[in-house]
Structures are given as C-alpha cells and as structure tokens.
Protein backbone atom coordinates (compact mmCIF):
# COMPACT_ATOMS: atom_id res chain seq x y z
CA MET A 1 0.01 -0.02 0.05
CA ALA A 2 1.22 3.51 -0.82
CA LYS A 3 2.78 5.69 1.91
CA ILE A 4 0.73 8.54 0.51
CA SER A 5 -2.81 8.75 1.88
CA PRO A 6 -3.00 4.99 2.85
CA THR A 7 -6.25 5.46 4.73
CA SER A 8 -7.99 6.62 1.54
CA ILE A 9 -7.52 3.32 -0.29
CA LYS A 10 -10.84 1.89 -1.47
CA TYR A 11 -10.02 -1.03 -3.75
CA ASN A 12 -7.29 -3.57 -4.48
CA ILE A 13 -6.57 -4.75 -7.93
CA THR A 14 -5.05 -8.17 -8.12
CA ALA A 15 -3.72 -9.55 -11.37
CA ASP A 16 -1.84 -12.66 -12.53
CA PHE A 17 0.96 -12.46 -15.05
CA LYS A 18 2.92 -14.88 -17.16
CA SER A 19 6.26 -14.16 -18.97
CA GLU A 20 7.94 -16.38 -21.57
CA GLY A 21 11.30 -15.53 -20.12
CA PRO A 22 12.97 -14.55 -16.84
CA VAL A 23 12.08 -11.10 -15.56
CA GLU A 24 12.64 -8.99 -12.44
CA LYS A 25 10.30 -6.91 -10.36
CA PRO A 26 11.57 -3.57 -11.83
CA ASP A 27 10.77 -5.05 -15.35
CA VAL A 28 7.18 -5.70 -14.36
CA ILE A 29 6.64 -2.26 -12.73
CA GLY A 30 8.42 -0.61 -15.78
CA ALA A 31 6.03 -2.45 -18.15
CA LEU A 32 2.98 -1.20 -16.16
CA PHE A 33 3.93 2.48 -16.24
CA GLY A 34 5.51 2.43 -19.61
CA GLN A 35 2.91 0.55 -21.71
CA THR A 36 -0.08 2.23 -20.15
CA GLU A 37 1.40 5.74 -20.70
CA GLY A 38 -0.80 8.00 -22.88
CA LEU A 39 -3.32 5.09 -23.09
CA LEU A 40 -6.04 6.63 -20.88
CA GLY A 41 -5.16 10.32 -21.01
CA SER A 42 -3.29 12.52 -18.40
CA GLU A 43 -6.11 11.97 -15.73
CA LEU A 44 -5.53 8.20 -15.51
CA GLU A 45 -1.73 8.06 -15.98
CA LEU A 46 -0.50 5.48 -13.47
CA ARG A 47 2.60 7.52 -12.58
CA GLU A 48 0.62 10.75 -11.98
CA LEU A 49 -2.10 8.87 -10.03
CA GLN A 50 0.72 7.49 -7.75
CA LYS A 51 2.08 10.91 -7.20
CA GLU A 52 -1.31 12.27 -6.29
CA GLY A 53 -1.88 9.41 -3.81
CA LYS A 54 -4.72 7.93 -5.79
CA ILE A 55 -2.65 4.75 -6.68
CA GLY A 56 -0.71 3.10 -3.81
CA ARG A 57 2.53 1.27 -3.96
CA ILE A 58 2.55 -1.51 -6.39
CA ASP A 59 3.54 -4.95 -5.06
CA VAL A 60 4.92 -7.79 -7.33
CA ASP A 61 5.48 -11.30 -6.31
CA LEU A 62 7.13 -13.57 -8.97
CA ILE A 63 8.68 -16.98 -9.37
CA THR A 64 11.03 -18.03 -12.29
CA GLU A 65 11.03 -21.71 -13.18
CA GLY A 66 12.16 -23.33 -16.30
CA GLY A 67 13.19 -20.15 -17.94
CA LYS A 68 9.59 -18.66 -17.48
CA THR A 69 8.25 -16.26 -14.85
CA THR A 70 4.78 -16.21 -13.23
CA GLY A 71 3.57 -13.99 -10.52
CA GLU A 72 0.94 -11.64 -8.99
CA ILE A 73 0.54 -7.94 -9.07
CA THR A 74 -1.33 -5.96 -6.34
CA ILE A 75 -2.33 -2.37 -6.96
CA PRO A 76 -4.13 -0.35 -4.24
CA SER A 77 -6.58 2.29 -5.62
CA ALA A 78 -8.15 5.43 -4.04
CA LEU A 79 -10.07 6.03 -7.35
CA ASP A 80 -13.89 5.49 -7.46
CA LYS A 81 -15.27 2.24 -8.68
CA THR A 82 -15.48 3.15 -12.39
CA GLU A 83 -11.97 4.68 -12.63
CA THR A 84 -10.47 1.64 -10.82
CA THR A 85 -12.00 -0.88 -13.35
CA ILE A 86 -10.69 1.20 -16.27
CA VAL A 87 -7.18 1.20 -14.89
CA ALA A 88 -7.57 -2.51 -14.22
CA ALA A 89 -8.78 -3.27 -17.81
CA ALA A 90 -5.79 -1.23 -19.21
CA LEU A 91 -3.32 -3.62 -17.47
CA GLU A 92 -4.52 -6.50 -19.65
CA THR A 93 -3.32 -4.60 -22.79
CA ILE A 94 0.31 -5.12 -21.75
CA ASP A 95 1.91 -7.83 -23.94
CA LYS A 96 5.60 -7.54 -23.08
CA ILE A 97 7.52 -7.46 -19.80
CA GLY A 98 11.17 -6.55 -20.41
CA PRO A 99 12.33 -8.28 -23.60
CA THR A 100 9.86 -11.21 -23.39
CA ASP A 101 6.23 -11.86 -24.31
CA ALA A 102 3.84 -11.73 -21.45
CA LYS A 103 0.14 -11.84 -20.58
CA ILE A 104 -1.58 -10.12 -17.62
CA THR A 105 -4.91 -11.28 -16.50
CA ILE A 106 -7.12 -9.35 -13.78
CA LYS A 107 -7.90 -11.84 -11.00
CA GLU A 108 -10.17 -9.68 -8.85
CA ILE A 109 -10.95 -6.22 -7.75
CA TYR A 110 -12.29 -6.15 -4.12
CA ASP A 111 -13.53 -3.34 -1.97
CA VAL A 112 -11.23 -3.16 1.07
CA ARG A 113 -13.83 -1.12 2.92
CA GLY A 114 -16.06 -4.23 3.04
CA THR A 115 -13.92 -5.67 5.86
CA LYS A 116 -14.11 -2.38 7.71
CA ARG A 117 -17.80 -2.24 7.34
CA ASP A 118 -18.09 -5.83 8.71
CA TYR A 119 -16.05 -4.86 11.66
CA ILE A 120 -18.01 -1.75 12.22
CA MET A 121 -21.30 -3.76 12.20
CA GLU A 122 -20.01 -6.41 14.59
CA ARG A 123 -18.59 -3.96 16.96
CA ALA A 124 -21.73 -1.72 16.90
CA LYS A 125 -23.77 -4.80 17.88
CA GLN A 126 -21.46 -5.50 20.82
CA LEU A 127 -21.64 -1.91 21.96
CA LEU A 128 -25.46 -1.93 21.50
CA SER A 129 -25.89 -5.06 23.55
CA GLY A 130 -23.91 -3.43 26.35
CA ILE A 131 -26.24 -0.46 26.72
CA ASN A 132 -28.64 -1.10 29.55
CA ASN A 133 -32.37 -0.64 28.73
CA VAL A 134 -33.81 2.61 30.19
CA LYS A 135 -36.66 1.86 32.46
CA ASP A 136 -39.49 4.24 32.95
CA SER A 137 -40.62 5.42 36.43
CA ILE A 138 -43.39 2.81 36.77
CA GLU A 139 -41.06 -0.06 35.99
CA ILE A 140 -38.47 1.20 38.49
CA GLU A 141 -41.13 1.57 41.11
CA GLN A 142 -42.57 -1.88 40.48
CA GLU A 143 -39.02 -3.40 40.52
CA LEU A 144 -38.21 -1.80 43.77
CA ARG A 145 -41.44 -2.85 45.36
CA GLU A 146 -40.95 -6.43 44.26
CA SER A 147 -37.29 -6.62 45.40
CA THR A 148 -38.24 -5.20 48.74
CA ARG A 149 -40.85 -8.00 49.23
CA VAL A 150 -38.44 -10.74 48.08
CA SER A 151 -35.70 -9.45 50.34
CA LYS A 152 -37.96 -10.36 53.19
CA ILE A 153 -37.53 -14.09 52.60
CA SER A 154 -36.05 -15.75 55.61
CA GLU A 155 -34.91 -19.28 56.69
CA TYR A 156 -37.04 -21.35 59.13
CA GLY A 157 -35.83 -24.15 61.43
CA GLU A 158 -32.80 -26.50 61.37
CA GLU A 159 -33.56 -27.31 57.74
CA ARG A 160 -33.39 -23.63 56.75
CA LEU A 161 -36.63 -23.74 54.87
CA PRO A 162 -37.49 -20.70 52.75
CA ALA A 163 -40.23 -18.69 54.36
CA GLY A 164 -41.93 -15.34 54.82
CA ASP A 165 -43.63 -14.07 58.01
CA LEU A 166 -44.86 -17.12 59.92
CA SER A 167 -46.46 -15.15 62.91
CA SER A 168 -49.97 -15.71 61.51
CA ASN A 169 -52.03 -18.75 62.68
CA GLU A 170 -52.60 -19.58 58.97
CA ILE A 171 -49.71 -20.78 56.95
CA ILE A 172 -49.41 -21.64 53.27
CA VAL A 173 -47.13 -24.46 52.38
CA VAL A 174 -45.62 -24.56 48.83
CA GLU A 175 -43.10 -26.87 47.21
CA GLY A 176 -39.86 -24.72 46.71
CA ARG A 177 -38.09 -21.51 47.07
CA ALA A 178 -39.25 -20.19 43.68
CA ASP A 179 -42.85 -20.55 44.84
CA VAL A 180 -42.12 -18.67 48.05
CA VAL A 181 -40.46 -15.91 46.02
CA ASN A 182 -43.47 -15.61 43.84
CA MET A 183 -45.86 -15.47 46.69
CA LEU A 184 -43.86 -12.74 48.47
CA LYS A 185 -43.66 -10.80 45.29
CA HIS A 186 -47.44 -10.57 45.17
CA GLY A 187 -47.82 -9.60 48.84
CA ILE A 188 -48.48 -13.00 50.42
CA LYS A 189 -46.22 -13.30 53.41
CA ASN A 190 -47.48 -16.16 55.50
CA VAL A 191 -45.75 -18.83 53.39
CA ILE A 192 -43.12 -21.56 53.74
CA GLY A 193 -41.48 -23.89 51.18
CA MET A 194 -40.69 -27.64 51.51
CA ASN A 195 -37.49 -27.39 49.39
CA GLY A 196 -38.67 -30.26 47.29
CA THR A 197 -41.36 -32.99 47.19
CA LYS A 198 -40.35 -34.64 50.40
CA LEU A 199 -42.10 -33.26 53.53
CA PRO A 200 -39.70 -31.79 56.05
CA ALA A 201 -40.13 -32.60 59.72
CA GLU A 202 -40.22 -28.80 60.50
CA ILE A 203 -43.52 -28.38 58.60
CA ALA A 204 -45.01 -31.45 60.17
CA ARG A 205 -44.39 -29.97 63.62
CA LEU A 206 -45.62 -26.68 62.35
CA GLY A 207 -48.98 -28.24 61.48
CA GLU A 208 -49.46 -29.06 65.18
CA LYS A 209 -49.47 -25.41 66.06
CA LYS A 210 -50.72 -23.70 62.96
CA GLU A 211 -53.56 -24.24 60.33
CA LEU A 212 -51.75 -25.28 57.18
CA THR A 213 -53.00 -24.79 53.62
CA LEU A 214 -51.03 -26.80 51.06
CA PHE A 215 -50.75 -24.97 47.77
CA VAL A 216 -49.78 -27.38 44.91
CA ASP A 217 -49.16 -27.30 41.20
CA GLY A 218 -51.96 -27.95 38.84
CA ASP A 219 -50.50 -31.21 37.40
CA ARG A 220 -50.17 -34.82 38.40
CA GLY A 221 -47.09 -34.02 40.38
CA GLY A 222 -49.11 -31.70 42.57
CA LYS A 223 -51.49 -34.60 43.29
CA LEU A 224 -48.63 -36.80 44.40
CA ILE A 225 -47.24 -34.17 46.74
CA ALA A 226 -50.82 -33.60 48.16
CA GLN A 227 -51.00 -37.28 48.95
CA ASN A 228 -47.58 -37.43 50.55
CA VAL A 229 -47.96 -34.37 52.64
CA SER A 230 -51.46 -35.17 53.83
CA ASP A 231 -50.26 -38.60 54.94
CA ASN A 232 -47.43 -37.16 57.06
CA ALA A 233 -48.74 -33.84 58.48
CA LYS A 234 -51.84 -32.21 59.62
CA ILE A 235 -53.19 -30.32 56.68
CA ALA A 236 -56.44 -28.27 56.94
CA PHE A 237 -56.92 -27.25 53.29
CA ILE A 238 -55.48 -27.81 49.86
CA ALA A 239 -55.28 -25.15 47.02
CA ILE A 240 -54.52 -26.08 43.58
CA ALA A 241 -52.93 -23.92 40.78
CA PRO A 242 -54.76 -23.71 37.51
CA ASP A 243 -54.65 -26.73 35.28
CA GLY A 244 -51.10 -27.27 33.86
CA LYS A 245 -49.53 -24.38 35.82
CA GLU A 246 -47.00 -24.19 38.48
CA VAL A 247 -47.24 -21.90 41.63
CA GLU A 248 -44.01 -20.17 40.77
CA GLU A 249 -45.38 -18.82 37.40
CA LEU A 250 -48.76 -17.59 38.56
CA ALA A 251 -49.80 -14.02 38.44
CA GLY A 252 -51.08 -12.35 41.68
CA LYS A 253 -54.78 -12.64 40.53
CA GLU A 254 -54.33 -16.31 39.82
CA ILE A 255 -52.78 -16.95 43.20
CA LEU A 256 -55.70 -15.20 45.03
CA GLN A 257 -58.29 -17.10 42.97
CA SER A 258 -56.66 -20.55 43.73
CA LEU A 259 -56.45 -19.75 47.48
CA ARG A 260 -60.11 -18.69 47.62
CA LYS A 261 -61.06 -22.03 45.95
CA LYS A 262 -59.09 -24.16 48.55
CA VAL A 263 -60.94 -27.23 49.74
CA SER A 264 -60.70 -29.59 52.82
CA ILE A 265 -58.55 -32.74 52.79
CA SER A 266 -61.65 -34.97 52.63
CA GLU A 267 -63.23 -33.04 49.77
CA TYR A 268 -59.90 -33.07 47.84
CA PHE A 269 -59.39 -36.88 48.02
CA ARG A 270 -63.12 -37.77 47.67
CA LYS A 271 -63.41 -39.45 44.27
CA PRO A 272 -66.50 -38.39 42.25
CA GLU A 273 -69.15 -40.95 41.38
CA ARG A 274 -68.93 -42.38 37.83
CA THR A 275 -72.27 -40.77 37.14
CA GLY A 276 -70.50 -37.43 37.32
CA PHE A 277 -68.43 -38.33 34.35
CA TYR A 278 -71.50 -39.22 32.35
CA GLU A 279 -73.07 -35.93 33.21
CA ARG A 280 -70.19 -34.03 31.70
CA ASN A 281 -70.38 -36.22 28.66
CA GLU A 282 -74.22 -36.04 28.42
CA ARG A 283 -74.82 -39.94 28.62
CA PRO A 284 -72.91 -43.25 28.92
CA ARG A 285 -71.24 -44.49 25.80
CA GLU A 286 -73.68 -47.47 25.66
CA GLU A 287 -76.53 -44.94 25.22
CA ARG A 288 -74.63 -43.00 22.55
CA PHE A 289 -74.47 -46.15 20.33
CA GLU A 290 -78.09 -45.48 19.47
CA ARG A 291 -76.91 -42.80 16.97
CA ASN A 292 -74.87 -45.58 15.15
CA GLU A 293 -77.84 -48.16 15.36
CA ARG A 294 -75.63 -50.81 17.14
CA PRO A 295 -72.54 -51.05 19.38
CA ARG A 296 -69.07 -51.06 17.88
CA GLU A 297 -68.63 -54.73 19.02
CA GLU A 298 -71.61 -55.71 16.66
CA ARG A 299 -70.08 -53.85 13.72
CA PHE A 300 -66.98 -56.14 13.95
CA GLU A 301 -69.24 -58.79 12.30
CA ARG A 302 -68.70 -57.08 8.99
CA ASN A 303 -65.02 -57.82 9.27
CA ASP A 304 -65.60 -61.34 10.55
CA ARG A 305 -63.94 -60.36 13.86
CA GLN A 306 -65.77 -61.28 17.13
CA PRO A 307 -64.97 -59.65 20.45
CA GLU A 308 -63.65 -61.89 23.17
CA GLU A 309 -65.28 -62.39 26.52
CA THR A 310 -64.24 -60.31 29.61
CA GLU A 311 -63.02 -62.07 32.72
CA LYS A 312 -63.25 -60.77 36.24
CA VAL A 313 -59.66 -60.64 37.43
CA GLU A 314 -58.66 -60.85 41.00
CA ALA A 315 -56.43 -57.90 42.15
CA ARG A 316 -52.94 -58.56 43.55
CA GLU A 317 -50.16 -56.24 44.48
CA LEU A 318 -47.20 -56.01 41.90
CA THR A 319 -43.81 -57.25 43.26
CA ARG A 320 -40.41 -55.75 42.44
CA GLU A 321 -39.85 -58.66 39.98
CA ASP A 322 -43.14 -57.86 38.24
CA LYS A 323 -42.12 -54.23 37.83
CA GLU A 324 -38.68 -55.25 36.40
CA LYS A 325 -40.44 -57.49 33.85
CA LEU A 326 -42.74 -54.66 32.83
CA ARG A 327 -39.77 -52.39 32.22
CA GLU A 328 -38.30 -55.00 29.97
CA LEU A 329 -41.59 -55.39 28.02
CA VAL A 330 -42.20 -51.67 27.53
CA GLU A 331 -38.78 -51.36 25.80
CA GLU A 332 -39.96 -53.92 23.30
CA LEU A 333 -43.15 -52.05 22.35
CA ARG A 334 -43.06 -50.81 18.80
CA GLY A 335 -44.85 -47.65 17.42
CA ARG A 336 -48.08 -46.83 19.26
CA ASN A 337 -48.92 -50.37 20.28
CA VAL A 338 -50.09 -51.57 23.70
CA LEU A 339 -49.75 -54.82 25.50
CA ILE A 340 -52.57 -56.42 27.45
CA LEU A 341 -51.18 -58.83 30.15
CA ASN A 342 -52.67 -61.44 32.41
CA THR A 343 -51.98 -62.00 36.07
CA ASN A 344 -48.82 -63.97 35.15
CA LEU A 345 -47.67 -61.02 33.13
CA GLU A 346 -48.09 -63.00 29.87
CA VAL A 347 -48.99 -61.07 26.75
CA ILE A 348 -52.61 -61.68 25.78
CA LYS A 349 -52.71 -58.97 23.04
CA ASP A 350 -50.34 -56.74 21.27
CA ILE A 351 -52.46 -54.25 19.38
CA PRO A 352 -52.38 -50.66 18.09
CA ILE A 353 -53.53 -48.17 20.59
CA SER A 354 -56.17 -46.99 18.05
CA LYS A 355 -57.88 -50.38 18.26
CA LEU A 356 -58.01 -50.49 22.06
CA GLY A 357 -61.47 -49.01 22.34
CA PHE A 358 -62.87 -51.81 20.17
CA MET A 359 -61.50 -54.82 22.26
CA LYS A 360 -62.87 -56.94 24.96
CA VAL A 361 -60.11 -59.25 26.26
CA TYR A 362 -60.53 -62.33 28.55
CA GLY A 363 -58.30 -62.15 31.56
CA ALA A 364 -56.90 -58.54 31.25
CA PHE A 365 -54.86 -57.66 34.28
CA ILE A 366 -52.35 -54.92 33.21
CA LEU A 367 -52.50 -52.50 30.32
CA LEU A 368 -48.80 -51.63 29.30
CA THR A 369 -48.09 -48.65 27.15
CA VAL A 370 -45.41 -46.00 26.62
CA ASN A 371 -47.72 -42.89 27.30
CA ALA A 372 -50.87 -43.37 29.25
CA THR A 373 -53.44 -40.73 28.10
CA LYS A 374 -56.93 -40.11 29.55
CA THR A 375 -58.30 -42.20 26.69
CA VAL A 376 -56.06 -45.07 27.43
CA ILE A 377 -57.09 -45.21 31.05
CA SER A 378 -60.75 -45.12 30.09
CA ASP A 379 -60.28 -48.08 27.74
CA ALA A 380 -58.38 -49.95 30.41
CA GLU A 381 -61.45 -49.47 32.75
CA LYS A 382 -63.72 -50.99 30.22
CA LEU A 383 -61.34 -54.01 29.81
CA GLY A 384 -61.56 -54.62 33.51
CA ALA A 385 -57.78 -54.16 33.94
CA LYS A 386 -56.48 -53.54 37.38
CA TYR A 387 -53.30 -51.70 36.47
CA VAL A 388 -51.99 -49.31 33.73
CA ALA A 389 -48.22 -49.29 33.48
CA ALA A 390 -46.45 -46.62 31.52
CA LYS A 391 -43.27 -44.57 31.11
CA THR A 392 -45.25 -41.37 31.13
CA PHE A 393 -48.78 -40.19 32.02
CA GLY A 394 -50.84 -37.41 30.55
CA LYS A 395 -53.37 -35.19 32.35
CA LEU A 396 -55.69 -37.79 34.08
CA GLU A 397 -58.98 -37.75 35.69
CA ASP A 398 -59.83 -39.72 38.86
CA THR A 399 -59.74 -43.42 38.26
CA ASN A 400 -60.07 -46.65 40.33
CA ILE A 401 -57.23 -48.30 38.27
CA LYS A 402 -53.81 -48.40 39.89
CA LEU A 403 -51.07 -46.52 37.88
CA VAL A 404 -47.50 -47.77 37.81
CA SER A 405 -44.73 -45.50 36.54
CA LEU A 406 -41.90 -47.43 34.77
C-alpha cells in the first residue's frame, strides 16, 4: 500500500501475469507504467495517479522456473469504482515485460472497505448489547417494590426452609423457594417452602400449632405431593394452581383465585361418582351407540372379527420382580402399540392403541403402554384391567385403576 494517503484506499486490484522469459520486479513495474502511458489520458496516468496518492505502492510477487516467470501484481486504488475498473482493464493490454512476451489477467477487484464495514457492524452490535435498557418510572417503582418483598424471605428451622412471615395462625405451604419468592412478590407473606417434594419434619411440627394450607401445582405431580404431605402432616386445606400451571409462574390474581377455592382434605381426596363423568359427557357411551344403530362390537361382524369375553380378574399387588419384567416389556413396544397382560404377566394381546377401544379381552390384568393418556385409562377401565403401567402419564381424571410408573 502507498505511503501517501494509505487510509484513503478503496479497492485492491489483483492480477496474475505470465512471462515467456525470466524477468525481475523492476521489469514488471516498468512495463505497467511504460505501456499504459498515454493510453487513458493524463487524468488516468499510473505515474501521475501514484504521485497524487490515488494509486498506492505496487507490489509484485514472482517465481522464475524453467526459464519462465509467473507472478501476482497488487495495486491499491483510491479512485472511484469506475476509474479503478478502467485502470484494471488497461493492465490487460500489456503484452511484453522486459524483452519477453507476457500476458496479464485481472484476478479480482475487491472493496477493502467491506472488511471495515463488517468490523463496524459487529462492533456496533457488541456496543449496543452493552447499553442497559432505560426503564420508566413505573417499571423502576414496580421493581423496587418487588425486590423489597423478596428481600424479606427468611430461613425457618434447622432445615433452613425458605419462608416469609410465619407469625400468622394460618400458613401456606408450597413446594420450593421459587414458589415462596413468587408469593412474596405478590404480597402474600405467610408462606413456607418444603425445598422439594419430600415433607420436612419442621413443617409437620408446624402443623401441630398452625392451620396449614397446602398450595400445589396444577398437574399430576401436585396430586402426588398432596397425597404425601397429607399422609405425614396435619393439613387443613389444599389449594390447587390452574390446570397445567405451577405456583411459581402464577400472576397475583391467579394466586388469590386459587387460594379462595381451597378445599378440605376430605373433599380433595373424595373421588367423584362415575355418574358425574357421564353428566359431563351427556350420557354413557352405551346410550350413545343409539346414533350408530348398534354397538361397535356388533359392527365387527362385517369384518368377521368377534370380540372376546371379559373375565373378572382378582387384584394382587405387583412385586419388584413384576415391575422389572414390565420395564423389559415396555422397551420392546413398537410404534403406538399397547400390551394387554394377564396375572402371570403373559402377553394376551399386542395391538395398536387406536384399536384398544374396540377390544374386549378375556383375563386382562395390566395394560402396558409408553404414554398413558386419559383415553387409554378409560379403555383400560372398560377392559376390567387392574393396572395401567407406562413410562409417562398425561393429564388424568380420577380413576380406580392403579397406575404404575416405569
């Protein structure tokens, strides 16, 4: 690059050359100046352009092998785009370097400012990301209010449970620290967390002196926690987060609504009568067959398939060995199939889950599937199965079937 005005360079012209004989760098540069002189007029004379700082220092790299010379020429340009391409095209008219025939071919013309632009953009992004967002007065006030409430979180007992103000006679028990933080953030102070799903002894002792309300997530995990806590501590009420939501993500309004709807232990664990299910669905499935003239089982006759008889299976508790065998069997399930097993855990049927509602199986004891949905549980009840075993469970309604997680 030229020593004159190096910062004004806009483009780099790169050209390859071949010479039929051995040449030196001064021969190449002399050819560039000499053979383009007077070709483009005084305004684009290479020698004058270099003096004015519009053309930089010309670099030449060459190799001589076997009596011939090849190399590369680099010419920095501060001219505009059009003038630079004219100068580049003029270089290809050179047919001799020194005393030998030669050929020059323009390899590329690239904008050196492009690299600078890329750097500027990347650096600008970094600087922009480092600028803190400006908050308005309302956001600042809200943040201060919430941080003040959260700062009031304390530790209770030897197990150092996260808690708010426990001076009240009514205490709300939640699962973890995040739940406590969310409750404090929305102004509810009489709260304590269990630091997990296992009930701490501190909370059990607290239940002997205070009226405890257990506030659980609105999923199956919340039901399991409610069962565990109520079995091991004196709980007066249970409140439930909206379906599918966790306590830590509830808005203030949702928290208050859930607490207002709290129910007693007996009411929470009382299973609704089966007629209640039918009321939500208007009428039993058997009655709805009237719209289709005859039950599904009868329609099998068109395909020459007859349903099998249903057997009343005596319930028994599953052993550890039974569960190990179920884990092995579930790994062998393919696609969306389910297995129907007898009391000896022998496979009676291996069928697609879509056909389960059409089946009546003799001796069904366990229904084995990868994912137990509400529909699968309902079909298992119709089969007379005692257990449903699965890797995962969806959102379920109350059922008399025992659920086994694998």
